[in-house]
Protein backbone atom coordinates (compact mmCIF):
# COMPACT_ATOMS: atom_id res chain seq x y z
CA MET A 1 -0.02 -0.01 0.01
CA GLY A 2 1.39 3.40 -0.99
CA GLU A 3 1.84 6.43 1.23
CA THR A 4 -0.38 9.49 1.21
CA ILE A 5 1.44 12.79 1.64
CA PRO A 6 -0.91 15.60 2.79
CA ILE A 7 0.00 19.11 1.65
CA ALA A 8 -1.69 22.17 3.17
CA VAL A 9 -2.88 24.72 0.61
CA PRO A 10 -4.93 27.94 0.70
CA ARG A 11 -8.64 27.52 0.31
CA LYS A 12 -9.22 30.20 -2.35
CA GLY A 13 -7.84 33.17 -4.22
CA ARG A 14 -4.62 33.98 -6.06
CA PRO A 15 -2.40 31.87 -3.74
CA LEU A 16 -4.41 28.69 -4.39
CA GLU A 17 -4.44 29.39 -8.15
CA SER A 18 -0.65 29.71 -8.07
CA VAL A 19 -0.37 26.41 -6.25
CA LEU A 20 -2.67 24.71 -8.72
CA ASP A 21 -0.65 26.11 -11.58
CA ARG A 22 2.51 24.62 -10.09
CA PHE A 23 0.86 21.19 -9.80
CA ALA A 24 -0.62 21.48 -13.29
CA ARG A 25 2.82 22.04 -14.80
CA ARG A 26 4.72 19.52 -12.68
CA LEU A 27 2.13 16.71 -12.66
CA ASP A 28 0.24 17.25 -15.91
CA VAL A 29 -3.09 17.84 -14.13
CA ALA A 30 -4.09 20.95 -16.02
CA ASP A 31 -7.76 19.87 -16.39
CA LEU A 32 -8.05 19.33 -12.62
CA ALA A 33 -6.46 22.68 -11.83
CA ASP A 34 -8.72 24.47 -14.35
CA ASP A 35 -11.81 22.79 -12.90
CA ILE A 36 -11.01 23.94 -9.35
CA THR A 37 -9.98 27.43 -10.45
CA SER A 38 -13.09 28.05 -12.59
CA THR A 39 -15.43 26.75 -9.90
CA LEU A 40 -13.96 29.01 -7.27
CA ARG A 41 -13.89 32.05 -9.50
CA HIS A 42 -17.56 31.54 -10.24
CA GLU A 43 -18.32 31.24 -6.50
CA LYS A 44 -16.27 34.38 -5.79
CA ALA A 45 -18.30 36.25 -8.43
CA LEU A 46 -21.53 35.11 -6.78
CA THR A 47 -20.27 36.17 -3.38
CA LYS A 48 -19.20 39.60 -4.60
CA GLY A 49 -22.41 40.06 -6.65
CA THR A 50 -20.53 40.52 -9.96
CA VAL A 51 -22.74 37.86 -11.60
CA ASP A 52 -26.45 37.55 -11.20
CA PRO A 53 -27.33 34.60 -8.95
CA GLU A 54 -30.20 32.26 -9.61
CA ASP A 55 -33.38 32.65 -7.58
CA ASP A 56 -32.86 31.66 -3.95
CA ALA A 57 -29.13 31.38 -4.58
CA GLU A 58 -28.40 31.26 -0.90
CA GLU A 59 -30.65 28.25 -0.44
CA HIS A 60 -29.05 26.64 -3.48
CA VAL A 61 -25.52 26.95 -2.10
CA TYR A 62 -25.81 23.43 -0.66
CA HIS A 63 -27.06 22.15 -4.03
CA ARG A 64 -24.06 23.70 -5.75
CA LEU A 65 -21.76 22.30 -3.11
CA ALA A 66 -23.12 18.78 -3.74
CA ASP A 67 -22.83 19.23 -7.52
CA TYR A 68 -19.19 20.38 -7.30
CA SER A 69 -18.03 17.71 -4.86
CA THR A 70 -17.36 14.05 -5.72
CA VAL A 71 -17.16 12.42 -2.31
CA GLU A 72 -16.89 8.88 -3.59
CA ASP A 73 -13.81 9.58 -5.71
CA PRO A 74 -10.92 11.24 -3.82
CA THR A 75 -9.16 12.08 -7.13
CA GLU A 76 -11.99 14.51 -7.86
CA PRO A 77 -12.12 17.77 -5.93
CA GLU A 78 -14.24 18.30 -2.83
CA TYR A 79 -15.38 21.69 -1.59
CA THR A 80 -16.71 23.07 1.68
CA LEU A 81 -18.49 26.18 3.01
CA LEU A 82 -16.63 29.07 4.66
CA ARG A 83 -18.14 31.99 6.53
CA ASP A 84 -17.69 35.22 4.53
CA ASP A 85 -17.51 38.64 6.09
CA ARG A 86 -19.52 40.41 3.41
CA ALA A 87 -22.95 41.59 4.49
CA GLY A 88 -25.67 39.20 3.41
CA LYS A 89 -23.20 36.60 2.14
CA PRO A 90 -22.47 34.45 5.21
CA ARG A 91 -21.35 31.33 3.30
CA ARG A 92 -18.91 30.87 0.48
CA ILE A 93 -17.87 27.67 -1.30
CA VAL A 94 -14.10 27.12 -1.04
CA PHE A 95 -11.64 24.28 -1.80
CA ASP A 96 -11.44 21.40 0.61
CA SER A 97 -9.34 18.53 -0.78
CA VAL A 98 -8.29 16.40 -3.73
CA THR A 99 -5.91 13.43 -4.06
CA ILE A 100 -3.39 13.14 -6.90
CA PRO A 101 -1.69 9.76 -7.53
CA LEU A 102 2.06 9.89 -8.28
CA GLU A 103 3.43 7.27 -10.64
CA GLY A 104 6.84 6.97 -12.28
CA ILE A 105 8.39 9.93 -10.52
CA ASP A 106 12.08 9.85 -9.72
CA GLY A 107 12.70 9.77 -5.94
CA VAL A 108 9.10 8.97 -5.04
CA PRO A 109 8.01 5.38 -4.34
CA ASP A 110 5.36 3.92 -6.63
CA GLU A 111 1.74 4.08 -5.41
CA THR A 112 2.54 7.32 -3.50
CA GLU A 113 -0.21 9.91 -3.66
CA ILE A 114 -0.48 13.48 -2.51
CA GLN A 115 -3.55 15.00 -0.96
CA LEU A 116 -4.06 18.76 -1.24
CA VAL A 117 -5.89 19.87 1.87
CA GLY A 118 -7.43 23.34 2.13
CA ARG A 119 -6.58 25.36 5.18
CA GLU A 120 -7.41 28.93 6.16
CA GLU A 121 -3.82 29.49 7.31
CA PRO A 122 -1.54 26.69 5.98
CA PHE A 123 1.57 28.21 7.56
CA ARG A 124 0.08 27.83 11.06
CA ALA A 125 -0.93 24.24 10.29
CA LEU A 126 2.73 23.51 9.52
CA ARG A 127 3.82 25.25 12.71
CA THR A 128 1.73 22.78 14.70
CA HIS A 129 3.25 19.82 12.77
CA GLU A 130 -0.02 18.82 11.07
CA PHE A 131 1.76 18.82 7.71
CA ALA A 132 5.27 18.38 6.42
CA LEU A 133 4.70 20.51 3.34
CA GLY A 134 2.38 23.40 2.55
CA PHE A 135 1.92 26.64 0.63
CA ASP A 136 1.10 30.06 2.03
CA SER A 137 1.92 33.72 1.58
CA ALA A 138 5.41 34.86 2.41
CA ASP A 139 3.72 37.83 4.10
CA LEU A 140 2.34 35.63 6.85
CA VAL A 141 5.84 34.33 7.65
CA LEU A 142 7.11 37.88 7.97
CA GLU A 143 4.12 38.89 10.10
CA GLU A 144 4.57 36.03 12.56
CA VAL A 145 8.11 34.70 12.90
CA VAL A 146 10.75 36.80 11.12
CA GLU A 147 13.02 38.65 13.52
CA LEU A 148 13.09 42.42 13.37
CA ARG A 149 16.56 43.80 12.74
CA PRO A 150 18.03 47.21 11.93
CA GLU A 151 18.85 46.04 8.41
CA PRO A 152 16.11 45.67 5.76
CA LEU A 153 14.80 42.39 4.34
CA ASP A 154 14.11 42.55 0.60
CA ARG A 155 14.33 38.97 -0.79
CA ILE A 156 12.39 35.75 -0.30
CA ALA A 157 15.71 33.95 -0.21
CA ASP A 158 16.73 35.78 2.99
CA ILE A 159 13.69 34.88 5.07
CA ASN A 160 15.06 31.67 6.62
CA ALA A 161 18.08 33.47 8.03
CA ARG A 162 15.69 35.68 10.00
CA ILE A 163 13.69 32.85 11.59
CA ASP A 164 14.61 31.88 15.11
CA PRO A 165 14.93 28.04 15.21
CA SER A 166 13.50 28.04 18.74
CA ASP A 167 10.36 29.80 17.47
CA THR A 168 9.37 27.47 14.64
CA ASP A 169 10.61 24.50 12.59
CA VAL A 170 8.98 25.81 9.41
CA ARG A 171 11.24 27.02 6.60
CA VAL A 172 10.67 28.55 3.16
CA VAL A 173 11.66 26.27 0.31
CA THR A 174 10.91 28.40 -2.77
CA GLY A 175 8.61 31.07 -4.10
CA LEU A 176 6.07 30.45 -6.86
CA GLY A 177 6.61 33.73 -8.70
CA ASP A 178 3.07 35.10 -8.32
CA THR A 179 4.60 38.38 -7.26
CA VAL A 180 2.75 41.45 -6.02
CA TYR A 181 5.04 44.08 -4.47
CA HIS A 182 4.76 46.02 -1.24
CA THR A 183 5.63 49.37 -2.76
CA LEU A 184 6.61 52.70 -1.30
CA MET A 185 4.36 55.51 -2.60
CA ALA A 186 4.08 59.23 -1.87
CA THR A 187 2.42 62.42 -2.98
CA PRO A 188 4.58 64.80 -5.06
CA ALA A 189 4.72 67.18 -2.04
CA VAL A 190 6.36 64.53 0.15
CA SER A 191 8.36 62.71 -2.52
CA PRO A 192 12.00 63.86 -2.79
CA SER A 193 12.59 66.58 -5.41
CA THR A 194 15.89 64.99 -6.28
CA GLY A 195 16.76 61.30 -6.06
CA PRO A 196 14.53 58.23 -5.86
CA LEU A 197 11.64 57.49 -3.48
CA ASP A 198 13.34 54.60 -1.67
CA ARG A 199 14.70 53.32 1.63
CA ASP A 200 17.50 55.89 1.60
CA PHE A 201 14.87 58.63 1.45
CA LEU A 202 13.17 57.12 4.47
CA GLU A 203 16.42 57.25 6.43
CA SER A 204 16.09 61.01 6.66
CA TYR A 205 12.29 61.20 6.60
CA GLU A 206 10.31 62.05 9.75
CA GLY A 207 6.55 61.95 9.78
CA PRO A 208 3.58 59.69 9.10
CA LEU A 209 3.77 56.47 7.08
CA CYS A 210 0.36 55.01 6.23
CA ILE A 211 0.08 51.22 6.24
CA GLU A 212 -2.49 48.48 6.79
CA PRO A 213 -2.46 47.63 10.52
CA ARG A 214 -1.85 43.91 9.86
CA TYR A 215 1.31 44.77 7.90
CA GLU A 216 3.02 46.70 10.71
CA ARG A 217 5.46 43.95 11.64
CA LEU A 218 6.04 43.06 8.00
CA VAL A 219 6.90 46.71 7.15
CA GLN A 220 9.24 46.82 10.15
CA ALA A 221 11.06 43.72 8.87
CA VAL A 222 11.20 44.86 5.27
CA LEU A 223 12.36 48.40 5.94
CA GLY A 224 14.53 47.61 8.96
CA THR A 225 14.08 49.25 12.31
CA ARG A 226 16.93 51.74 11.69
CA THR A 227 15.12 53.18 8.67
CA LEU A 228 11.96 53.72 10.74
CA ASP A 229 13.53 56.03 13.32
CA GLY A 230 11.36 59.13 13.35
CA VAL A 231 8.54 57.49 11.38
CA ASP A 232 5.05 57.27 12.85
CA PHE A 233 2.65 54.58 11.52
CA THR A 234 -0.83 55.71 10.62
CA TYR A 235 -3.69 53.52 9.40
CA PRO A 236 -6.62 53.93 6.98
CA GLU A 237 -9.93 54.68 8.63
CA GLU A 238 -12.46 51.90 8.38
CA GLY A 239 -13.98 51.85 4.90
CA ARG A 240 -11.35 54.23 3.52
CA GLU A 241 -9.50 53.03 0.37
CA GLU A 242 -5.85 52.40 1.19
CA GLU A 243 -4.36 54.53 -1.61
CA ALA A 244 -6.65 57.41 -0.64
CA ALA A 245 -5.49 57.18 2.95
CA ILE A 246 -1.85 57.17 1.81
CA ALA A 247 -2.54 60.31 -0.26
CA ASP A 248 -3.94 61.97 2.89
CA ALA A 249 -0.85 60.97 4.92
CA GLY A 250 1.58 61.87 2.11
CA LEU A 251 3.58 58.65 2.32
CA GLY A 252 2.78 54.97 2.67
CA VAL A 253 3.41 51.35 1.76
CA TYR A 254 0.86 49.19 -0.03
CA LEU A 255 0.55 46.23 -2.29
CA THR A 256 0.33 47.02 -6.01
CA VAL A 257 0.64 45.28 -9.33
CA THR A 258 0.50 48.13 -11.85
CA GLY A 259 0.09 51.14 -9.61
CA SER A 260 -2.84 52.48 -11.62
CA THR A 261 -5.06 53.02 -8.57
CA ALA A 262 -2.26 54.78 -6.73
CA ARG A 263 -1.75 57.13 -9.67
CA GLU A 264 -5.48 57.93 -9.68
CA HIS A 265 -4.96 59.33 -6.19
CA GLY A 266 -2.01 61.43 -7.33
CA LEU A 267 0.62 59.14 -5.80
CA LEU A 268 4.09 58.55 -7.17
CA LEU A 269 5.42 55.00 -7.04
CA GLY A 270 8.75 54.42 -5.38
CA GLU A 271 10.87 51.39 -4.51
CA GLN A 272 9.38 47.90 -4.65
CA LEU A 273 10.20 46.90 -1.10
CA PHE A 274 9.33 43.19 -0.91
CA PRO A 275 7.62 40.59 -3.09
CA SER A 276 4.33 39.33 -1.68
CA GLU A 277 4.51 35.86 -3.05
CA THR A 278 3.11 32.39 -2.43
CA VAL A 279 5.85 30.16 -1.08
CA LEU A 280 6.42 26.42 -0.61
CA LEU A 281 7.02 25.65 3.07
CA GLU A 282 8.34 22.67 4.93
CA SER A 283 8.17 21.62 8.57
CA THR A 284 11.64 20.25 8.76
CA PRO A 285 11.17 17.55 11.43
CA GLU A 286 8.29 16.07 9.46
CA VAL A 287 10.27 15.60 6.24
CA SER A 288 10.60 11.88 5.47
CA GLU A 289 12.44 10.35 2.48
CA THR A 290 9.17 10.24 0.51
CA VAL A 291 8.28 13.82 1.45
CA ASP A 292 11.76 14.86 0.34
CA GLY A 293 11.08 13.38 -3.08
CA VAL A 294 7.75 15.23 -3.36
CA ARG A 295 9.42 18.47 -2.21
CA ALA A 296 12.09 18.06 -4.88
CA LEU A 297 9.37 17.57 -7.51
CA LEU A 298 7.65 20.79 -6.50
CA ASN A 299 10.81 22.75 -6.01
CA GLY A 300 13.10 21.15 -8.57
CA ALA A 301 14.08 21.35 -12.20
CA ASP A 302 11.94 21.49 -15.33
CA LEU A 303 9.19 19.02 -15.87
CA GLU A 304 11.27 17.01 -18.32
CA THR A 305 13.96 16.27 -15.74
CA ALA A 306 11.72 16.14 -12.68
CA LEU A 307 9.54 13.40 -14.15
CA ALA A 308 11.15 10.04 -14.85
CA VAL A 309 8.26 8.36 -16.60
CA GLU A 310 8.68 4.66 -17.11
CA GLN A 311 8.52 3.68 -20.69
């Protein structure tokens, strides 16, 4: 009988789609990945009200859940219901689990299978040793376990050196490249008249820096505590758009892909401080020989060399 390797993954959103894309490319399960992604995008649209629901859509959520899930076949995806914080939308269908058999893969015993298991916070599930492998946002690692130092942190590759071994056994293996940057942005009045809007500018800056409250520790780690001397954190008022709040403060840090919304508020984009990226994580004490082979498959070389398919 083969071994089942559970892997913690996000339940929804861009991080889960990035994980599914990695599995689609490494294990040739594109149809499965597309099925899960399209289902969850449709459910997100229903939750946000961007598509018109059927009559009594809230009552039908259980019918849709039953239609999506194939309980008798673990190799088909299952879904579950999650409480949503939007008014009038208390339940949302999210990913629960699916099993993927592994055959003919170098370094992995035959009849091994992996089970993707949806978790609200996969990183915390690894911290409690529920899983050996998982995927989550690098942001959460910075928010919870990365040490604050005077020097800035600007690369995924440097995260492990900032983790206290006595605090957690979890380590970052690799990033998935779904990068959105925490970016420094400012109004023209605050932005330097000469030179770039970057960490060096912040060294001499004194005044407010607008950020999301949950990113306070992350920003401290990314900028370094020395850079933040004389800087006072401020936060958007409830219901206030983040870029608008930064424009009020004059300077801030926020996630952006293109910066278009920031420019609409008259903000100039400065240094890209840190990549907000989905990362592969491992709980080091839980890594067995088989888990090591699965990790190598997800972290390793191109598909052609990672797969040793028996002829």
